[in-house]
Amino acid sequence: MAWQTRGLTRRKLLASSAALVASARSLASEPQDRIRLPVPELLDASAGTLVLDARKGSHAFRPGMPTASFGYSATYLGPTIRFRRGRSASLSVANRIDRPTTTHLHGLLIPAVSDGAPHRPVAPGETWRTSFHVDQPAATAWYHAHPHGETGPQVYGGLAGMAIVDDPNGPGSVLPSRYGIDDFPVILQDRALDPLGRAIYRSDGHAMMMGMRGDTLVVNGAVDPVATVPAGLVRLRILNGANARNFDLAFEDQRVFHVIAGDCGLLADPVARRTLVVAPGERFEIVVDFSDGRPAVLETASDTAAVLAARMPAPSRTMGRGSGRLLRFEVDPGVPPHTRPLPQAL
């Protein structure tokens, strides 16, 4: 996989690394205005059987520096799946990778037989099929590989995606709900990249104790992307898809945002915050007001959970302690904004 260096002699590796270190540092320091926030395709699970495949791919976290990856019907990550309360859903997921896998529907209230947990491995070349009825309030969930003993490297490789549950009795258009316009999936991850841009995955040393962390911050598979938003309320569905890192979120200009939902769905009422800590696997929905027309930057502080790991000897790129910029927002006044105010009760 991407984190292996087989086939390279030490001399070749050092030579290649020396030649590319300057280039990698330059790319890291240059403004990435050309990198737009990737928005995964939105698929409706109630419109017939939803067909996916877990496949191998190649993905470039750094421009021109591809690494081996996994994805669901994509080279990295997978589409956003929309489920609808009161309707049935059918999934068909083929295993096109070279090892057993599962597809766990994390956050959906469904029978265990449809959950895709570790006790139902799917062998290479086989297909997992399931059907179930959706009956839960509106929520942001996700799906990911969950085979016993292999969950870490497979999710790290890219086998994950967001899921949305819509409820016809929910707030509907009272909240921003135009997917990819004022309602964005924001999948936060970190990756340890070597000088060739390849993702490193470790399962020894501090990673065995504290989980795999990296020094490169990634949003929807992109490093330092920019999202274009309207001059109004914007909904961000935040998922911590990292293996071990907490994200301590805030806007660079310290603007206030409102938390409207957590793992279980909508809160009773919006909660005003300036900071928000999101642990691995957690989901939050926040609403941000961009009506002032100013650009904004979502960033993370250092992961305080990595303090213990900092005392253990390990390469710095796999410590994942640092703070950094996650996602930039630019306001486009030409995009019609969401004009309804944020409701006082949800």
C-alpha atoms as a PDB file:
ATOM      1  CA  MET A   1       0.000   0.000   0.000  1.00  0.00           C
ATOM      2  CA  ALA A   2       0.899   3.684  -0.014  1.00  0.00           C
ATOM      3  CA  TRP A   3       2.885   3.587   3.205  1.00  0.00           C
ATOM      4  CA  GLN A   4       5.289   0.880   2.007  1.00  0.00           C
ATOM      5  CA  THR A   5       8.672   1.517   0.390  1.00  0.00           C
ATOM      6  CA  ARG A   6       9.414  -1.883  -1.095  1.00  0.00           C
ATOM      7  CA  GLY A   7      11.450  -1.903  -4.297  1.00  0.00           C
ATOM      8  CA  LEU A   8      13.460   1.169  -3.319  1.00  0.00           C
ATOM      9  CA  THR A   9      17.020   0.780  -2.105  1.00  0.00           C
ATOM     10  CA  ARG A  10      18.107   3.042   0.719  1.00  0.00           C
ATOM     11  CA  ARG A  11      20.359   4.975  -1.656  1.00  0.00           C
ATOM     12  CA  LYS A  12      17.593   5.492  -4.223  1.00  0.00           C
ATOM     13  CA  LEU A  13      15.142   6.512  -1.543  1.00  0.00           C
ATOM     14  CA  LEU A  14      17.529   9.052  -0.043  1.00  0.00           C
ATOM     15  CA  ALA A  15      18.366  10.448  -3.468  1.00  0.00           C
ATOM     16  CA  SER A  16      14.694  10.771  -4.441  1.00  0.00           C
ATOM     17  CA  SER A  17      13.847  12.272  -1.074  1.00  0.00           C
ATOM     18  CA  ALA A  18      16.600  14.882  -1.306  1.00  0.00           C
ATOM     19  CA  ALA A  19      15.489  15.865  -4.796  1.00  0.00           C
ATOM     20  CA  LEU A  20      11.849  16.277  -3.768  1.00  0.00           C
ATOM     21  CA  VAL A  21      12.056  17.718  -0.245  1.00  0.00           C
ATOM     22  CA  ALA A  22      12.506  21.280  -1.520  1.00  0.00           C
ATOM     23  CA  SER A  23       9.619  20.836  -3.958  1.00  0.00           C
ATOM     24  CA  ALA A  24       7.341  19.415  -1.258  1.00  0.00           C
ATOM     25  CA  ARG A  25       8.171  22.259   1.135  1.00  0.00           C
ATOM     26  CA  SER A  26       7.531  24.800  -1.595  1.00  0.00           C
ATOM     27  CA  LEU A  27       4.146  23.283  -2.387  1.00  0.00           C
ATOM     28  CA  ALA A  28       3.264  23.291   1.305  1.00  0.00           C
ATOM     29  CA  SER A  29       4.077  26.984   1.678  1.00  0.00           C
ATOM     30  CA  GLU A  30       2.502  28.295  -1.521  1.00  0.00           C
ATOM     31  CA  PRO A  31      -1.085  29.581  -1.483  1.00  0.00           C
ATOM     32  CA  GLN A  32      -3.358  26.791  -2.670  1.00  0.00           C
ATOM     33  CA  ASP A  33      -6.013  29.034  -4.233  1.00  0.00           C
ATOM     34  CA  ARG A  34      -6.435  26.636  -7.133  1.00  0.00           C
ATOM     35  CA  ILE A  35      -7.477  23.739  -4.880  1.00  0.00           C
ATOM     36  CA  ARG A  36     -11.230  23.856  -4.539  1.00  0.00           C
ATOM     37  CA  LEU A  37     -12.935  21.880  -1.809  1.00  0.00           C
ATOM     38  CA  PRO A  38     -13.908  18.528  -3.356  1.00  0.00           C
ATOM     39  CA  VAL A  39     -17.609  17.859  -2.781  1.00  0.00           C
ATOM     40  CA  PRO A  40     -18.454  14.143  -3.039  1.00  0.00           C
ATOM     41  CA  GLU A  41     -21.316  13.128  -5.305  1.00  0.00           C
ATOM     42  CA  LEU A  42     -24.689  12.926  -3.533  1.00  0.00           C
ATOM     43  CA  LEU A  43     -26.550   9.616  -4.035  1.00  0.00           C
ATOM     44  CA  ASP A  44     -30.138   8.881  -2.950  1.00  0.00           C
ATOM     45  CA  ALA A  45     -30.437   5.483  -1.244  1.00  0.00           C
ATOM     46  CA  SER A  46     -34.223   5.440  -1.683  1.00  0.00           C
ATOM     47  CA  ALA A  47     -34.079   5.636  -5.495  1.00  0.00           C
ATOM     48  CA  GLY A  48     -33.417   1.917  -6.049  1.00  0.00           C
ATOM     49  CA  THR A  49     -30.476  -0.291  -5.111  1.00  0.00           C
ATOM     50  CA  LEU A  50     -27.399   1.801  -4.421  1.00  0.00           C
ATOM     51  CA  VAL A  51     -24.360   0.080  -5.978  1.00  0.00           C
ATOM     52  CA  LEU A  52     -20.865   0.791  -4.642  1.00  0.00           C
ATOM     53  CA  ASP A  53     -17.524  -0.955  -4.860  1.00  0.00           C
ATOM     54  CA  ALA A  54     -14.560  -0.827  -2.507  1.00  0.00           C
ATOM     55  CA  ARG A  55     -11.663  -0.360  -4.881  1.00  0.00           C
ATOM     56  CA  LYS A  56      -7.971   0.457  -5.115  1.00  0.00           C
ATOM     57  CA  GLY A  57      -6.966   3.819  -6.509  1.00  0.00           C
ATOM     58  CA  SER A  58      -4.349   6.530  -6.644  1.00  0.00           C
ATOM     59  CA  HIS A  59      -4.786   9.892  -4.938  1.00  0.00           C
ATOM     60  CA  ALA A  60      -2.567  12.981  -4.778  1.00  0.00           C
ATOM     61  CA  PHE A  61      -2.624  14.840  -1.460  1.00  0.00           C
ATOM     62  CA  ARG A  62       0.224  16.949  -2.853  1.00  0.00           C
ATOM     63  CA  PRO A  63      -0.039  18.122  -6.501  1.00  0.00           C
ATOM     64  CA  GLY A  64       1.793  15.723  -8.810  1.00  0.00           C
ATOM     65  CA  MET A  65       2.678  13.341  -5.967  1.00  0.00           C
ATOM     66  CA  PRO A  66       0.213  10.402  -6.093  1.00  0.00           C
ATOM     67  CA  THR A  67      -0.066   7.725  -3.444  1.00  0.00           C
ATOM     68  CA  ALA A  68      -1.885   4.391  -3.439  1.00  0.00           C
ATOM     69  CA  SER A  69      -5.359   4.688  -1.935  1.00  0.00           C
ATOM     70  CA  PHE A  70      -8.753   3.084  -1.409  1.00  0.00           C
ATOM     71  CA  GLY A  71     -12.211   4.458  -2.161  1.00  0.00           C
ATOM     72  CA  TYR A  72     -15.877   3.592  -2.548  1.00  0.00           C
ATOM     73  CA  SER A  73     -16.615   3.890  -6.270  1.00  0.00           C
ATOM     74  CA  ALA A  74     -13.885   6.533  -6.297  1.00  0.00           C
ATOM     75  CA  THR A  75     -10.136   6.743  -5.984  1.00  0.00           C
ATOM     76  CA  TYR A  76     -10.428   8.165  -2.462  1.00  0.00           C
ATOM     77  CA  LEU A  77     -13.333   8.320   0.024  1.00  0.00           C
ATOM     78  CA  GLY A  78     -16.826   7.760  -1.383  1.00  0.00           C
ATOM     79  CA  PRO A  79     -20.063   9.499  -2.332  1.00  0.00           C
ATOM     80  CA  THR A  80     -22.354  11.078   0.225  1.00  0.00           C
ATOM     81  CA  ILE A  81     -25.375   8.802   0.697  1.00  0.00           C
ATOM     82  CA  ARG A  82     -28.747  10.356   1.458  1.00  0.00           C
ATOM     83  CA  PHE A  83     -31.215   8.214   3.394  1.00  0.00           C
ATOM     84  CA  ARG A  84     -34.825   9.276   3.923  1.00  0.00           C
ATOM     85  CA  ARG A  85     -36.827   8.538   7.040  1.00  0.00           C
ATOM     86  CA  GLY A  86     -39.871   6.414   6.319  1.00  0.00           C
ATOM     87  CA  ARG A  87     -38.368   4.803   3.218  1.00  0.00           C
ATOM     88  CA  SER A  88     -36.463   1.600   2.574  1.00  0.00           C
ATOM     89  CA  ALA A  89     -32.884   1.463   1.343  1.00  0.00           C
ATOM     90  CA  SER A  90     -30.950  -1.252  -0.497  1.00  0.00           C
ATOM     91  CA  LEU A  91     -27.157  -1.355  -0.777  1.00  0.00           C
ATOM     92  CA  SER A  92     -24.847  -3.522  -2.861  1.00  0.00           C
ATOM     93  CA  VAL A  93     -21.124  -3.183  -2.097  1.00  0.00           C
ATOM     94  CA  ALA A  94     -18.565  -5.211  -4.055  1.00  0.00           C
ATOM     95  CA  ASN A  95     -15.136  -5.906  -2.592  1.00  0.00           C
ATOM     96  CA  ARG A  96     -12.576  -5.066  -5.305  1.00  0.00           C
ATOM     97  CA  ILE A  97      -9.574  -4.817  -2.992  1.00  0.00           C
ATOM     98  CA  ASP A  98      -7.154  -7.609  -2.146  1.00  0.00           C
ATOM     99  CA  ARG A  99      -8.250  -8.263   1.432  1.00  0.00           C
ATOM    100  CA  PRO A 100     -11.473  -8.888   3.378  1.00  0.00           C
ATOM    101  CA  THR A 101     -13.456  -5.791   4.235  1.00  0.00           C
ATOM    102  CA  THR A 102     -16.844  -4.659   5.508  1.00  0.00           C
ATOM    103  CA  THR A 103     -18.954  -1.540   5.066  1.00  0.00           C
ATOM    104  CA  HIS A 104     -20.154  -0.338   8.453  1.00  0.00           C
ATOM    105  CA  LEU A 105     -23.104   2.097   8.471  1.00  0.00           C
ATOM    106  CA  HIS A 106     -21.991   4.188  11.437  1.00  0.00           C
ATOM    107  CA  GLY A 107     -24.784   6.151  13.075  1.00  0.00           C
ATOM    108  CA  LEU A 108     -27.767   4.497  11.399  1.00  0.00           C
ATOM    109  CA  LEU A 109     -30.379   2.827  13.622  1.00  0.00           C
ATOM    110  CA  ILE A 110     -30.705  -0.442  11.720  1.00  0.00           C
ATOM    111  CA  PRO A 111     -30.638  -4.199  12.490  1.00  0.00           C
ATOM    112  CA  ALA A 112     -27.233  -5.752  13.199  1.00  0.00           C
ATOM    113  CA  VAL A 113     -27.518  -7.938  10.105  1.00  0.00           C
ATOM    114  CA  SER A 114     -27.459  -4.769   7.967  1.00  0.00           C
ATOM    115  CA  ASP A 115     -24.801  -2.935   9.955  1.00  0.00           C
ATOM    116  CA  GLY A 116     -21.711  -4.198   8.095  1.00  0.00           C
ATOM    117  CA  ALA A 117     -19.757  -4.627  11.325  1.00  0.00           C
ATOM    118  CA  PRO A 118     -16.588  -6.754  11.778  1.00  0.00           C
ATOM    119  CA  HIS A 119     -18.542 -10.017  12.248  1.00  0.00           C
ATOM    120  CA  ARG A 120     -19.657 -10.004   8.586  1.00  0.00           C
ATOM    121  CA  PRO A 121     -16.416  -9.879   6.508  1.00  0.00           C
ATOM    122  CA  VAL A 122     -16.687  -9.797   2.722  1.00  0.00           C
ATOM    123  CA  ALA A 123     -13.941 -11.665   0.886  1.00  0.00           C
ATOM    124  CA  PRO A 124     -12.165 -10.206  -2.170  1.00  0.00           C
ATOM    125  CA  GLY A 125     -14.366 -10.575  -5.235  1.00  0.00           C
ATOM    126  CA  GLU A 126     -17.565 -11.019  -3.220  1.00  0.00           C
ATOM    127  CA  THR A 127     -20.503  -8.599  -2.875  1.00  0.00           C
ATOM    128  CA  TRP A 128     -22.386  -7.637   0.272  1.00  0.00           C
ATOM    129  CA  ARG A 129     -26.079  -6.842  -0.143  1.00  0.00           C
ATOM    130  CA  THR A 130     -28.477  -5.533   2.453  1.00  0.00           C
ATOM    131  CA  SER A 131     -31.874  -3.836   2.713  1.00  0.00           C
ATOM    132  CA  PHE A 132     -33.462  -2.049   5.648  1.00  0.00           C
ATOM    133  CA  HIS A 133     -36.101   0.491   6.607  1.00  0.00           C
ATOM    134  CA  VAL A 134     -34.956   3.926   7.740  1.00  0.00           C
ATOM    135  CA  ASP A 135     -36.684   5.199  10.859  1.00  0.00           C
ATOM    136  CA  GLN A 136     -34.704   7.812  12.763  1.00  0.00           C
ATOM    137  CA  PRO A 137     -34.608  11.593  13.052  1.00  0.00           C
ATOM    138  CA  ALA A 138     -32.521  13.735  10.727  1.00  0.00           C
ATOM    139  CA  ALA A 139     -28.801  13.219  11.342  1.00  0.00           C
ATOM    140  CA  THR A 140     -25.337  13.225   9.837  1.00  0.00           C
ATOM    141  CA  ALA A 141     -23.781   9.752   9.889  1.00  0.00           C
ATOM    142  CA  TRP A 142     -21.018   8.023   7.956  1.00  0.00           C
ATOM    143  CA  TYR A 143     -19.937   4.686   6.546  1.00  0.00           C
ATOM    144  CA  HIS A 144     -16.509   3.099   6.592  1.00  0.00           C
ATOM    145  CA  ALA A 145     -14.557  -0.139   6.351  1.00  0.00           C
ATOM    146  CA  HIS A 146     -14.645  -2.048   9.623  1.00  0.00           C
ATOM    147  CA  PRO A 147     -12.957  -5.462   9.255  1.00  0.00           C
ATOM    148  CA  HIS A 148     -11.513  -6.940  12.434  1.00  0.00           C
ATOM    149  CA  GLY A 149      -7.850  -6.028  12.766  1.00  0.00           C
ATOM    150  CA  GLU A 150      -7.852  -4.000   9.525  1.00  0.00           C
ATOM    151  CA  THR A 151     -10.154  -1.067  10.248  1.00  0.00           C
ATOM    152  CA  GLY A 152      -7.284   1.367  10.879  1.00  0.00           C
ATOM    153  CA  PRO A 153      -5.326   0.933   7.637  1.00  0.00           C
ATOM    154  CA  GLN A 154      -8.420   0.597   5.438  1.00  0.00           C
ATOM    155  CA  VAL A 155     -10.065   3.787   6.729  1.00  0.00           C
ATOM    156  CA  TYR A 156      -6.681   5.522   6.553  1.00  0.00           C
ATOM    157  CA  GLY A 157      -6.394   4.359   2.953  1.00  0.00           C
ATOM    158  CA  GLY A 158      -9.692   6.064   2.082  1.00  0.00           C
ATOM    159  CA  LEU A 159     -12.579   3.651   2.676  1.00  0.00           C
ATOM    160  CA  ALA A 160     -15.011   6.119   4.249  1.00  0.00           C
ATOM    161  CA  GLY A 161     -17.829   8.448   3.253  1.00  0.00           C
ATOM    162  CA  MET A 162     -20.579  10.630   4.719  1.00  0.00           C
ATOM    163  CA  ALA A 163     -24.241   9.729   5.090  1.00  0.00           C
ATOM    164  CA  ILE A 164     -27.190  12.069   5.600  1.00  0.00           C
ATOM    165  CA  VAL A 165     -30.569  11.109   7.058  1.00  0.00           C
ATOM    166  CA  ASP A 166     -33.413  13.396   6.020  1.00  0.00           C
ATOM    167  CA  ASP A 167     -36.605  13.530   8.051  1.00  0.00           C
ATOM    168  CA  PRO A 168     -39.780  14.861   6.385  1.00  0.00           C
ATOM    169  CA  ASN A 169     -40.900  16.037   9.833  1.00  0.00           C
ATOM    170  CA  GLY A 170     -37.624  17.861  10.447  1.00  0.00           C
ATOM    171  CA  PRO A 171     -36.841  21.554   9.976  1.00  0.00           C
ATOM    172  CA  GLY A 172     -36.304  21.140   6.214  1.00  0.00           C
ATOM    173  CA  SER A 173     -35.667  24.397   4.366  1.00  0.00           C
ATOM    174  CA  VAL A 174     -35.574  26.393   7.610  1.00  0.00           C
ATOM    175  CA  LEU A 175     -31.899  25.350   7.675  1.00  0.00           C
ATOM    176  CA  PRO A 176     -29.472  25.684   4.766  1.00  0.00           C
ATOM    177  CA  SER A 177     -29.986  22.506   2.743  1.00  0.00           C
ATOM    178  CA  ARG A 178     -28.610  23.043  -0.790  1.00  0.00           C
ATOM    179  CA  TYR A 179     -25.929  20.372  -0.967  1.00  0.00           C
ATOM    180  CA  GLY A 180     -22.616  21.753  -2.152  1.00  0.00           C
ATOM    181  CA  ILE A 181     -23.940  25.341  -2.127  1.00  0.00           C
ATOM    182  CA  ASP A 182     -24.806  26.208   1.469  1.00  0.00           C
ATOM    183  CA  ASP A 183     -24.773  22.671   2.933  1.00  0.00           C
ATOM    184  CA  PHE A 184     -21.297  21.093   2.801  1.00  0.00           C
ATOM    185  CA  PRO A 185     -19.813  17.765   3.876  1.00  0.00           C
ATOM    186  CA  VAL A 186     -16.530  18.439   5.705  1.00  0.00           C
ATOM    187  CA  ILE A 187     -14.546  15.241   6.300  1.00  0.00           C
ATOM    188  CA  LEU A 188     -11.516  16.017   8.462  1.00  0.00           C
ATOM    189  CA  GLN A 189      -8.485  13.714   8.419  1.00  0.00           C
ATOM    190  CA  ASP A 190      -4.733  13.790   8.908  1.00  0.00           C
ATOM    191  CA  ARG A 191      -2.072  11.952   6.953  1.00  0.00           C
ATOM    192  CA  ALA A 192       1.635  11.303   7.394  1.00  0.00           C
ATOM    193  CA  LEU A 193       3.268  11.874   4.002  1.00  0.00           C
ATOM    194  CA  ASP A 194       6.837  10.987   3.094  1.00  0.00           C
ATOM    195  CA  PRO A 195       8.903  13.288   0.819  1.00  0.00           C
ATOM    196  CA  LEU A 196       7.460  11.477  -2.225  1.00  0.00           C
ATOM    197  CA  GLY A 197       3.908  12.310  -1.140  1.00  0.00           C
ATOM    198  CA  ARG A 198       3.089   8.740  -0.147  1.00  0.00           C
ATOM    199  CA  ALA A 199       0.877   8.101   2.888  1.00  0.00           C
ATOM    200  CA  ILE A 200       2.677   6.327   5.717  1.00  0.00           C
ATOM    201  CA  TYR A 201       0.758   4.018   8.026  1.00  0.00           C
ATOM    202  CA  ARG A 202       2.410   2.705  11.188  1.00  0.00           C
ATOM    203  CA  SER A 203       1.111   0.155  13.678  1.00  0.00           C
ATOM    204  CA  ASP A 204       4.093   0.096  16.042  1.00  0.00           C
ATOM    205  CA  GLY A 205       5.716   2.459  18.524  1.00  0.00           C
ATOM    206  CA  HIS A 206       3.606   5.458  19.512  1.00  0.00           C
ATOM    207  CA  ALA A 207       0.993   4.564  16.871  1.00  0.00           C
ATOM    208  CA  MET A 208       0.319   1.297  18.699  1.00  0.00           C
ATOM    209  CA  MET A 209      -0.280   3.224  21.921  1.00  0.00           C
ATOM    210  CA  MET A 210      -1.962   6.400  20.675  1.00  0.00           C
ATOM    211  CA  GLY A 211      -3.264   5.530  17.220  1.00  0.00           C
ATOM    212  CA  MET A 212      -1.982   6.632  13.831  1.00  0.00           C
ATOM    213  CA  ARG A 213      -1.596  10.394  13.467  1.00  0.00           C
ATOM    214  CA  GLY A 214      -0.112  12.543  10.730  1.00  0.00           C
ATOM    215  CA  ASP A 215       1.232  16.061  10.247  1.00  0.00           C
ATOM    216  CA  THR A 216      -0.724  16.877   7.059  1.00  0.00           C
ATOM    217  CA  LEU A 217      -4.296  18.115   7.543  1.00  0.00           C
ATOM    218  CA  VAL A 218      -6.797  16.964   4.934  1.00  0.00           C
ATOM    219  CA  VAL A 219     -10.398  18.022   4.164  1.00  0.00           C
ATOM    220  CA  ASN A 220     -12.433  15.853   1.765  1.00  0.00           C
ATOM    221  CA  GLY A 221      -9.131  14.475   0.506  1.00  0.00           C
ATOM    222  CA  ALA A 222      -7.554  17.884  -0.200  1.00  0.00           C
ATOM    223  CA  VAL A 223      -4.876  19.881   1.612  1.00  0.00           C
ATOM    224  CA  ASP A 224      -5.752  23.515   2.370  1.00  0.00           C
ATOM    225  CA  PRO A 225      -8.758  23.724   0.028  1.00  0.00           C
ATOM    226  CA  VAL A 226     -11.056  26.696  -0.476  1.00  0.00           C
ATOM    227  CA  ALA A 227     -14.866  26.599  -0.528  1.00  0.00           C
ATOM    228  CA  THR A 228     -16.974  29.223  -2.263  1.00  0.00           C
ATOM    229  CA  VAL A 229     -20.046  30.122  -0.208  1.00  0.00           C
ATOM    230  CA  PRO A 230     -22.943  32.580  -0.474  1.00  0.00           C
ATOM    231  CA  ALA A 231     -23.146  35.703   1.682  1.00  0.00           C
ATOM    232  CA  GLY A 232     -25.491  34.196   4.254  1.00  0.00           C
ATOM    233  CA  LEU A 233     -25.923  31.199   6.530  1.00  0.00           C
ATOM    234  CA  VAL A 234     -23.935  28.095   5.582  1.00  0.00           C
ATOM    235  CA  ARG A 235     -24.254  24.639   7.113  1.00  0.00           C
ATOM    236  CA  LEU A 236     -21.138  22.529   7.628  1.00  0.00           C
ATOM    237  CA  ARG A 237     -21.562  18.814   8.342  1.00  0.00           C
ATOM    238  CA  ILE A 238     -18.306  18.028  10.115  1.00  0.00           C
ATOM    239  CA  LEU A 239     -17.017  14.467  10.389  1.00  0.00           C
ATOM    240  CA  ASN A 240     -13.781  13.536  12.111  1.00  0.00           C
ATOM    241  CA  GLY A 241     -12.635  10.712   9.834  1.00  0.00           C
ATOM    242  CA  ALA A 242      -9.116  10.594  11.281  1.00  0.00           C
ATOM    243  CA  ASN A 243      -7.811   7.440  12.923  1.00  0.00           C
ATOM    244  CA  ALA A 244      -6.816   8.980  16.260  1.00  0.00           C
ATOM    245  CA  ARG A 245      -6.544  12.770  16.137  1.00  0.00           C
ATOM    246  CA  ASN A 246      -8.910  15.201  17.832  1.00  0.00           C
ATOM    247  CA  PHE A 247      -9.658  18.414  15.945  1.00  0.00           C
ATOM    248  CA  ASP A 248      -9.971  21.540  18.108  1.00  0.00           C
ATOM    249  CA  LEU A 249     -11.838  23.806  15.704  1.00  0.00           C
ATOM    250  CA  ALA A 250     -12.164  27.580  15.566  1.00  0.00           C
ATOM    251  CA  PHE A 251     -12.215  30.287  12.940  1.00  0.00           C
ATOM    252  CA  GLU A 252      -9.083  32.363  12.544  1.00  0.00           C
ATOM    253  CA  ASP A 253     -11.059  35.584  13.075  1.00  0.00           C
ATOM    254  CA  GLN A 254     -12.775  34.085  16.141  1.00  0.00           C
ATOM    255  CA  ARG A 255     -16.212  34.481  14.620  1.00  0.00           C
ATOM    256  CA  VAL A 256     -19.133  32.868  16.420  1.00  0.00           C
ATOM    257  CA  PHE A 257     -20.855  29.847  14.871  1.00  0.00           C
ATOM    258  CA  HIS A 258     -23.835  27.811  16.038  1.00  0.00           C
ATOM    259  CA  VAL A 259     -23.775  24.079  16.722  1.00  0.00           C
ATOM    260  CA  ILE A 260     -27.109  22.647  15.598  1.00  0.00           C
ATOM    261  CA  ALA A 261     -26.531  18.868  15.656  1.00  0.00           C
ATOM    262  CA  GLY A 262     -24.337  16.101  17.033  1.00  0.00           C
ATOM    263  CA  ASP A 263     -24.036  12.347  16.543  1.00  0.00           C
ATOM    264  CA  CYS A 264     -27.679  11.699  17.413  1.00  0.00           C
ATOM    265  CA  GLY A 265     -29.121  14.456  15.254  1.00  0.00           C
ATOM    266  CA  LEU A 266     -30.464  17.948  15.831  1.00  0.00           C
ATOM    267  CA  LEU A 267     -30.101  19.635  19.214  1.00  0.00           C
ATOM    268  CA  ALA A 268     -33.072  21.162  21.003  1.00  0.00           C
ATOM    269  CA  ASP A 269     -31.796  24.619  20.084  1.00  0.00           C
ATOM    270  CA  PRO A 270     -28.677  26.150  18.481  1.00  0.00           C
ATOM    271  CA  VAL A 271     -25.638  26.610  20.724  1.00  0.00           C
ATOM    272  CA  ALA A 272     -23.315  29.549  20.055  1.00  0.00           C
ATOM    273  CA  ARG A 273     -19.632  28.625  20.144  1.00  0.00           C
ATOM    274  CA  ARG A 274     -16.228  29.922  19.118  1.00  0.00           C
ATOM    275  CA  THR A 275     -14.451  26.567  19.523  1.00  0.00           C
ATOM    276  CA  LEU A 276     -15.451  22.934  19.056  1.00  0.00           C
ATOM    277  CA  VAL A 277     -13.496  19.741  19.775  1.00  0.00           C
ATOM    278  CA  VAL A 278     -14.361  16.819  17.500  1.00  0.00           C
ATOM    279  CA  ALA A 279     -13.075  13.339  18.366  1.00  0.00           C
ATOM    280  CA  PRO A 280     -12.537  10.513  15.830  1.00  0.00           C
ATOM    281  CA  GLY A 281     -15.850   9.230  14.484  1.00  0.00           C
ATOM    282  CA  GLU A 282     -17.846  12.173  15.858  1.00  0.00           C
ATOM    283  CA  ARG A 283     -20.127  14.297  13.717  1.00  0.00           C
ATOM    284  CA  PHE A 284     -21.323  17.839  14.326  1.00  0.00           C
ATOM    285  CA  GLU A 285     -23.373  20.220  12.220  1.00  0.00           C
ATOM    286  CA  ILE A 286     -22.621  23.904  12.559  1.00  0.00           C
ATOM    287  CA  VAL A 287     -24.109  26.991  10.911  1.00  0.00           C
ATOM    288  CA  VAL A 288     -21.778  29.866  10.045  1.00  0.00           C
ATOM    289  CA  ASP A 289     -22.873  33.348   9.009  1.00  0.00           C
ATOM    290  CA  PHE A 290     -20.907  34.718   6.038  1.00  0.00           C
ATOM    291  CA  SER A 291     -23.225  37.671   5.402  1.00  0.00           C
ATOM    292  CA  ASP A 292     -20.378  40.081   6.198  1.00  0.00           C
ATOM    293  CA  GLY A 293     -18.782  39.034   2.886  1.00  0.00           C
ATOM    294  CA  ARG A 294     -15.359  38.536   4.455  1.00  0.00           C
ATOM    295  CA  PRO A 295     -13.221  35.465   3.760  1.00  0.00           C
ATOM    296  CA  ALA A 296     -12.685  33.127   6.700  1.00  0.00           C
ATOM    297  CA  VAL A 297     -10.386  30.288   7.682  1.00  0.00           C
ATOM    298  CA  LEU A 298     -11.339  27.226   9.712  1.00  0.00           C
ATOM    299  CA  GLU A 299      -8.346  25.962  11.658  1.00  0.00           C
ATOM    300  CA  THR A 300      -7.454  23.503  14.381  1.00  0.00           C
ATOM    301  CA  ALA A 301      -5.377  23.923  17.493  1.00  0.00           C
ATOM    302  CA  SER A 302      -2.919  21.265  18.621  1.00  0.00           C
ATOM    303  CA  ASP A 303      -4.357  17.908  19.619  1.00  0.00           C
ATOM    304  CA  THR A 304      -3.978  17.851  23.386  1.00  0.00           C
ATOM    305  CA  ALA A 305      -4.565  14.085  23.366  1.00  0.00           C
ATOM    306  CA  ALA A 306      -1.170  13.741  21.679  1.00  0.00           C
ATOM    307  CA  VAL A 307       0.745  15.118  24.658  1.00  0.00           C
ATOM    308  CA  LEU A 308       1.535  11.611  25.917  1.00  0.00           C
ATOM    309  CA  ALA A 309       2.610  10.580  22.421  1.00  0.00           C
ATOM    310  CA  ALA A 310       4.985  13.536  22.335  1.00  0.00           C
ATOM    311  CA  ARG A 311       6.989  11.892  25.094  1.00  0.00           C
ATOM    312  CA  MET A 312       7.551   8.792  22.998  1.00  0.00           C
ATOM    313  CA  PRO A 313      10.325   8.615  20.370  1.00  0.00           C
ATOM    314  CA  ALA A 314       8.839   8.614  16.872  1.00  0.00           C
ATOM    315  CA  PRO A 315       9.218  10.445  13.551  1.00  0.00           C
ATOM    316  CA  SER A 316       7.651  13.903  13.842  1.00  0.00           C
ATOM    317  CA  ARG A 317       5.442  13.438  10.785  1.00  0.00           C
ATOM    318  CA  THR A 318       3.553  10.658  12.560  1.00  0.00           C
ATOM    319  CA  MET A 319       2.963  12.551  15.800  1.00  0.00           C
ATOM    320  CA  GLY A 320       0.121  14.753  14.549  1.00  0.00           C
ATOM    321  CA  ARG A 321       0.416  17.322  17.340  1.00  0.00           C
ATOM    322  CA  GLY A 322       0.520  20.527  15.353  1.00  0.00           C
ATOM    323  CA  SER A 323      -2.097  23.153  14.669  1.00  0.00           C
ATOM    324  CA  GLY A 324      -2.914  24.371  11.216  1.00  0.00           C
ATOM    325  CA  ARG A 325      -5.301  25.669   8.606  1.00  0.00           C
ATOM    326  CA  LEU A 326      -8.017  23.285   7.476  1.00  0.00           C
ATOM    327  CA  LEU A 327     -10.400  25.040   5.123  1.00  0.00           C
ATOM    328  CA  ARG A 328     -10.710  28.540   3.678  1.00  0.00           C
ATOM    329  CA  PHE A 329     -13.977  30.175   2.690  1.00  0.00           C
ATOM    330  CA  GLU A 330     -14.473  32.806   0.010  1.00  0.00           C
ATOM    331  CA  VAL A 331     -17.808  34.585  -0.336  1.00  0.00           C
ATOM    332  CA  ASP A 332     -19.383  34.840  -3.780  1.00  0.00           C
ATOM    333  CA  PRO A 333     -22.045  37.583  -3.759  1.00  0.00           C
ATOM    334  CA  GLY A 334     -23.447  36.149  -6.979  1.00  0.00           C
ATOM    335  CA  VAL A 335     -24.686  32.980  -5.235  1.00  0.00           C
ATOM    336  CA  PRO A 336     -28.192  33.459  -3.798  1.00  0.00           C
ATOM    337  CA  PRO A 337     -27.918  33.158   0.006  1.00  0.00           C
ATOM    338  CA  HIS A 338     -30.113  31.318   2.475  1.00  0.00           C
ATOM    339  CA  THR A 339     -32.361  34.140   3.638  1.00  0.00           C
ATOM    340  CA  ARG A 340     -34.279  32.556   6.531  1.00  0.00           C
ATOM    341  CA  PRO A 341     -32.887  33.273  10.006  1.00  0.00           C
ATOM    342  CA  LEU A 342     -31.568  30.495  12.176  1.00  0.00           C
ATOM    343  CA  PRO A 343     -34.523  29.173  14.216  1.00  0.00           C
ATOM    344  CA  GLN A 344     -34.395  29.488  18.002  1.00  0.00           C
ATOM    345  CA  ALA A 345     -35.659  25.921  18.445  1.00  0.00           C
ATOM    346  CA  LEU A 346     -34.784  22.870  16.330  1.00  0.00           C
END
